[in-house]
Amino acid sequence: MANDFYKKCAFFIFIVTVFAFGAISAKEGIGAIEFQRVQQAAFKGDITEQFRLAQLYEIGMFTEQSRELAQEWYIKAAHNGSKAAHDILCWDYKIGCEK
């Protein structure tokens, strides 16, 4: 029951984040440009964009889906102070340990 609640909350936060930062666009080609912008900012140390890049890799939006790269960027974001990234890593660890 608690797992369902947390999954729903995480999904809701993800959707709000994606829409709030304009990662979804109906125009063709804008996705690749947005991905490159997010990626460049993430490499420069922008914590918010590091978290967004992890999300984009996790779901495969505007790029190939890669759980490994998503994990890498969640870790970088968490190390730089992203509470959201930290919470996701803790959740992933908890779920992984229960399996």
C-alpha atoms as a PDB file:
ATOM      1  CA  MET A   1       0.000   0.000   0.000  1.00  0.00           C
ATOM      2  CA  ALA A   2       2.760   2.437   0.931  1.00  0.00           C
ATOM      3  CA  ASN A   3       4.707   1.395  -2.174  1.00  0.00           C
ATOM      4  CA  ASP A   4       1.758   2.337  -4.390  1.00  0.00           C
ATOM      5  CA  PHE A   5       1.485   5.709  -2.670  1.00  0.00           C
ATOM      6  CA  TYR A   6       5.184   6.462  -3.151  1.00  0.00           C
ATOM      7  CA  LYS A   7       5.115   5.313  -6.770  1.00  0.00           C
ATOM      8  CA  LYS A   8       2.133   7.564  -7.486  1.00  0.00           C
ATOM      9  CA  CYS A   9       3.816  10.505  -5.744  1.00  0.00           C
ATOM     10  CA  ALA A  10       7.065   9.964  -7.640  1.00  0.00           C
ATOM     11  CA  PHE A  11       5.214   9.727 -10.948  1.00  0.00           C
ATOM     12  CA  PHE A  12       3.227  12.896 -10.181  1.00  0.00           C
ATOM     13  CA  ILE A  13       6.385  14.814  -9.248  1.00  0.00           C
ATOM     14  CA  PHE A  14       8.087  13.595 -12.416  1.00  0.00           C
ATOM     15  CA  ILE A  15       5.207  14.714 -14.661  1.00  0.00           C
ATOM     16  CA  VAL A  16       4.993  18.116 -12.976  1.00  0.00           C
ATOM     17  CA  THR A  17       8.761  18.553 -13.319  1.00  0.00           C
ATOM     18  CA  VAL A  18       8.779  17.625 -16.993  1.00  0.00           C
ATOM     19  CA  PHE A  19       5.959  19.997 -17.848  1.00  0.00           C
ATOM     20  CA  ALA A  20       7.179  22.796 -15.580  1.00  0.00           C
ATOM     21  CA  PHE A  21      10.570  22.887 -17.251  1.00  0.00           C
ATOM     22  CA  GLY A  22       9.194  22.505 -20.758  1.00  0.00           C
ATOM     23  CA  ALA A  23      10.844  19.203 -21.587  1.00  0.00           C
ATOM     24  CA  ILE A  24       7.854  18.071 -23.626  1.00  0.00           C
ATOM     25  CA  SER A  25       7.268  19.765 -26.949  1.00  0.00           C
ATOM     26  CA  ALA A  26       4.893  18.993 -29.781  1.00  0.00           C
ATOM     27  CA  LYS A  27       7.278  20.425 -32.387  1.00  0.00           C
ATOM     28  CA  GLU A  28       9.558  18.032 -34.251  1.00  0.00           C
ATOM     29  CA  GLY A  29      13.246  18.471 -33.436  1.00  0.00           C
ATOM     30  CA  ILE A  30      12.734  20.585 -30.332  1.00  0.00           C
ATOM     31  CA  GLY A  31      13.255  17.501 -28.160  1.00  0.00           C
ATOM     32  CA  ALA A  32      16.812  16.965 -29.393  1.00  0.00           C
ATOM     33  CA  ILE A  33      17.627  20.630 -28.866  1.00  0.00           C
ATOM     34  CA  GLU A  34      16.137  20.548 -25.367  1.00  0.00           C
ATOM     35  CA  PHE A  35      18.064  17.376 -24.541  1.00  0.00           C
ATOM     36  CA  GLN A  36      21.346  18.968 -25.658  1.00  0.00           C
ATOM     37  CA  ARG A  37      20.620  22.087 -23.598  1.00  0.00           C
ATOM     38  CA  VAL A  38      19.864  20.010 -20.501  1.00  0.00           C
ATOM     39  CA  GLN A  39      22.938  17.841 -21.086  1.00  0.00           C
ATOM     40  CA  GLN A  40      25.270  20.835 -21.472  1.00  0.00           C
ATOM     41  CA  ALA A  41      23.929  22.493 -18.327  1.00  0.00           C
ATOM     42  CA  ALA A  42      24.233  19.207 -16.413  1.00  0.00           C
ATOM     43  CA  PHE A  43      27.882  18.816 -17.441  1.00  0.00           C
ATOM     44  CA  LYS A  44      28.504  22.382 -16.237  1.00  0.00           C
ATOM     45  CA  GLY A  45      27.198  21.417 -12.792  1.00  0.00           C
ATOM     46  CA  ASP A  46      23.612  22.695 -12.816  1.00  0.00           C
ATOM     47  CA  ILE A  47      21.945  20.505 -10.179  1.00  0.00           C
ATOM     48  CA  THR A  48      18.422  20.946 -11.541  1.00  0.00           C
ATOM     49  CA  GLU A  49      19.544  19.948 -15.022  1.00  0.00           C
ATOM     50  CA  GLN A  50      21.524  16.992 -13.675  1.00  0.00           C
ATOM     51  CA  PHE A  51      18.305  15.734 -12.128  1.00  0.00           C
ATOM     52  CA  ARG A  52      16.349  16.397 -15.332  1.00  0.00           C
ATOM     53  CA  LEU A  53      18.971  14.605 -17.420  1.00  0.00           C
ATOM     54  CA  ALA A  54      18.684  11.577 -15.142  1.00  0.00           C
ATOM     55  CA  GLN A  55      14.915  11.621 -15.638  1.00  0.00           C
ATOM     56  CA  LEU A  56      15.246  11.888 -19.412  1.00  0.00           C
ATOM     57  CA  TYR A  57      17.637   8.925 -19.496  1.00  0.00           C
ATOM     58  CA  GLU A  58      15.412   6.928 -17.161  1.00  0.00           C
ATOM     59  CA  ILE A  59      12.335   7.169 -19.376  1.00  0.00           C
ATOM     60  CA  GLY A  60      14.134   7.497 -22.706  1.00  0.00           C
ATOM     61  CA  MET A  61      12.725  10.901 -23.583  1.00  0.00           C
ATOM     62  CA  PHE A  62      14.637  12.581 -26.438  1.00  0.00           C
ATOM     63  CA  THR A  63      17.367   9.920 -26.083  1.00  0.00           C
ATOM     64  CA  GLU A  64      17.928   6.187 -25.741  1.00  0.00           C
ATOM     65  CA  GLN A  65      16.635   4.848 -22.454  1.00  0.00           C
ATOM     66  CA  SER A  66      19.520   4.027 -20.129  1.00  0.00           C
ATOM     67  CA  ARG A  67      19.021   3.076 -16.505  1.00  0.00           C
ATOM     68  CA  GLU A  68      22.799   3.118 -16.012  1.00  0.00           C
ATOM     69  CA  LEU A  69      23.173   6.723 -17.217  1.00  0.00           C
ATOM     70  CA  ALA A  70      20.094   7.742 -15.249  1.00  0.00           C
ATOM     71  CA  GLN A  71      21.655   6.282 -12.106  1.00  0.00           C
ATOM     72  CA  GLU A  72      24.952   8.058 -12.833  1.00  0.00           C
ATOM     73  CA  TRP A  73      23.208  11.436 -13.143  1.00  0.00           C
ATOM     74  CA  TYR A  74      21.002  10.869 -10.089  1.00  0.00           C
ATOM     75  CA  ILE A  75      24.198  10.194  -8.120  1.00  0.00           C
ATOM     76  CA  LYS A  76      25.867  13.371  -9.440  1.00  0.00           C
ATOM     77  CA  ALA A  77      22.782  15.436  -8.658  1.00  0.00           C
ATOM     78  CA  ALA A  78      22.507  13.930  -5.169  1.00  0.00           C
ATOM     79  CA  HIS A  79      26.197  14.587  -4.463  1.00  0.00           C
ATOM     80  CA  ASN A  80      25.629  18.198  -5.495  1.00  0.00           C
ATOM     81  CA  GLY A  81      22.681  18.621  -3.132  1.00  0.00           C
ATOM     82  CA  SER A  82      19.537  17.493  -4.983  1.00  0.00           C
ATOM     83  CA  LYS A  83      17.154  16.126  -2.365  1.00  0.00           C
ATOM     84  CA  ALA A  84      14.897  14.712  -5.091  1.00  0.00           C
ATOM     85  CA  ALA A  85      17.800  12.752  -6.609  1.00  0.00           C
ATOM     86  CA  HIS A  86      18.824  11.558  -3.155  1.00  0.00           C
ATOM     87  CA  ASP A  87      15.278  10.350  -2.454  1.00  0.00           C
ATOM     88  CA  ILE A  88      15.098   8.473  -5.761  1.00  0.00           C
ATOM     89  CA  LEU A  89      18.426   6.748  -5.082  1.00  0.00           C
ATOM     90  CA  CYS A  90      17.264   5.766  -1.596  1.00  0.00           C
ATOM     91  CA  TRP A  91      14.004   4.440  -3.015  1.00  0.00           C
ATOM     92  CA  ASP A  92      15.827   2.469  -5.725  1.00  0.00           C
ATOM     93  CA  TYR A  93      18.176   1.016  -3.123  1.00  0.00           C
ATOM     94  CA  LYS A  94      15.280   0.032  -0.867  1.00  0.00           C
ATOM     95  CA  ILE A  95      13.377  -1.642  -3.707  1.00  0.00           C
ATOM     96  CA  GLY A  96      16.525  -3.406  -4.925  1.00  0.00           C
ATOM     97  CA  CYS A  97      17.278  -4.742  -1.463  1.00  0.00           C
ATOM     98  CA  GLU A  98      13.760  -6.117  -1.080  1.00  0.00           C
ATOM     99  CA  LYS A  99      13.969  -8.162  -4.305  1.00  0.00           C
END
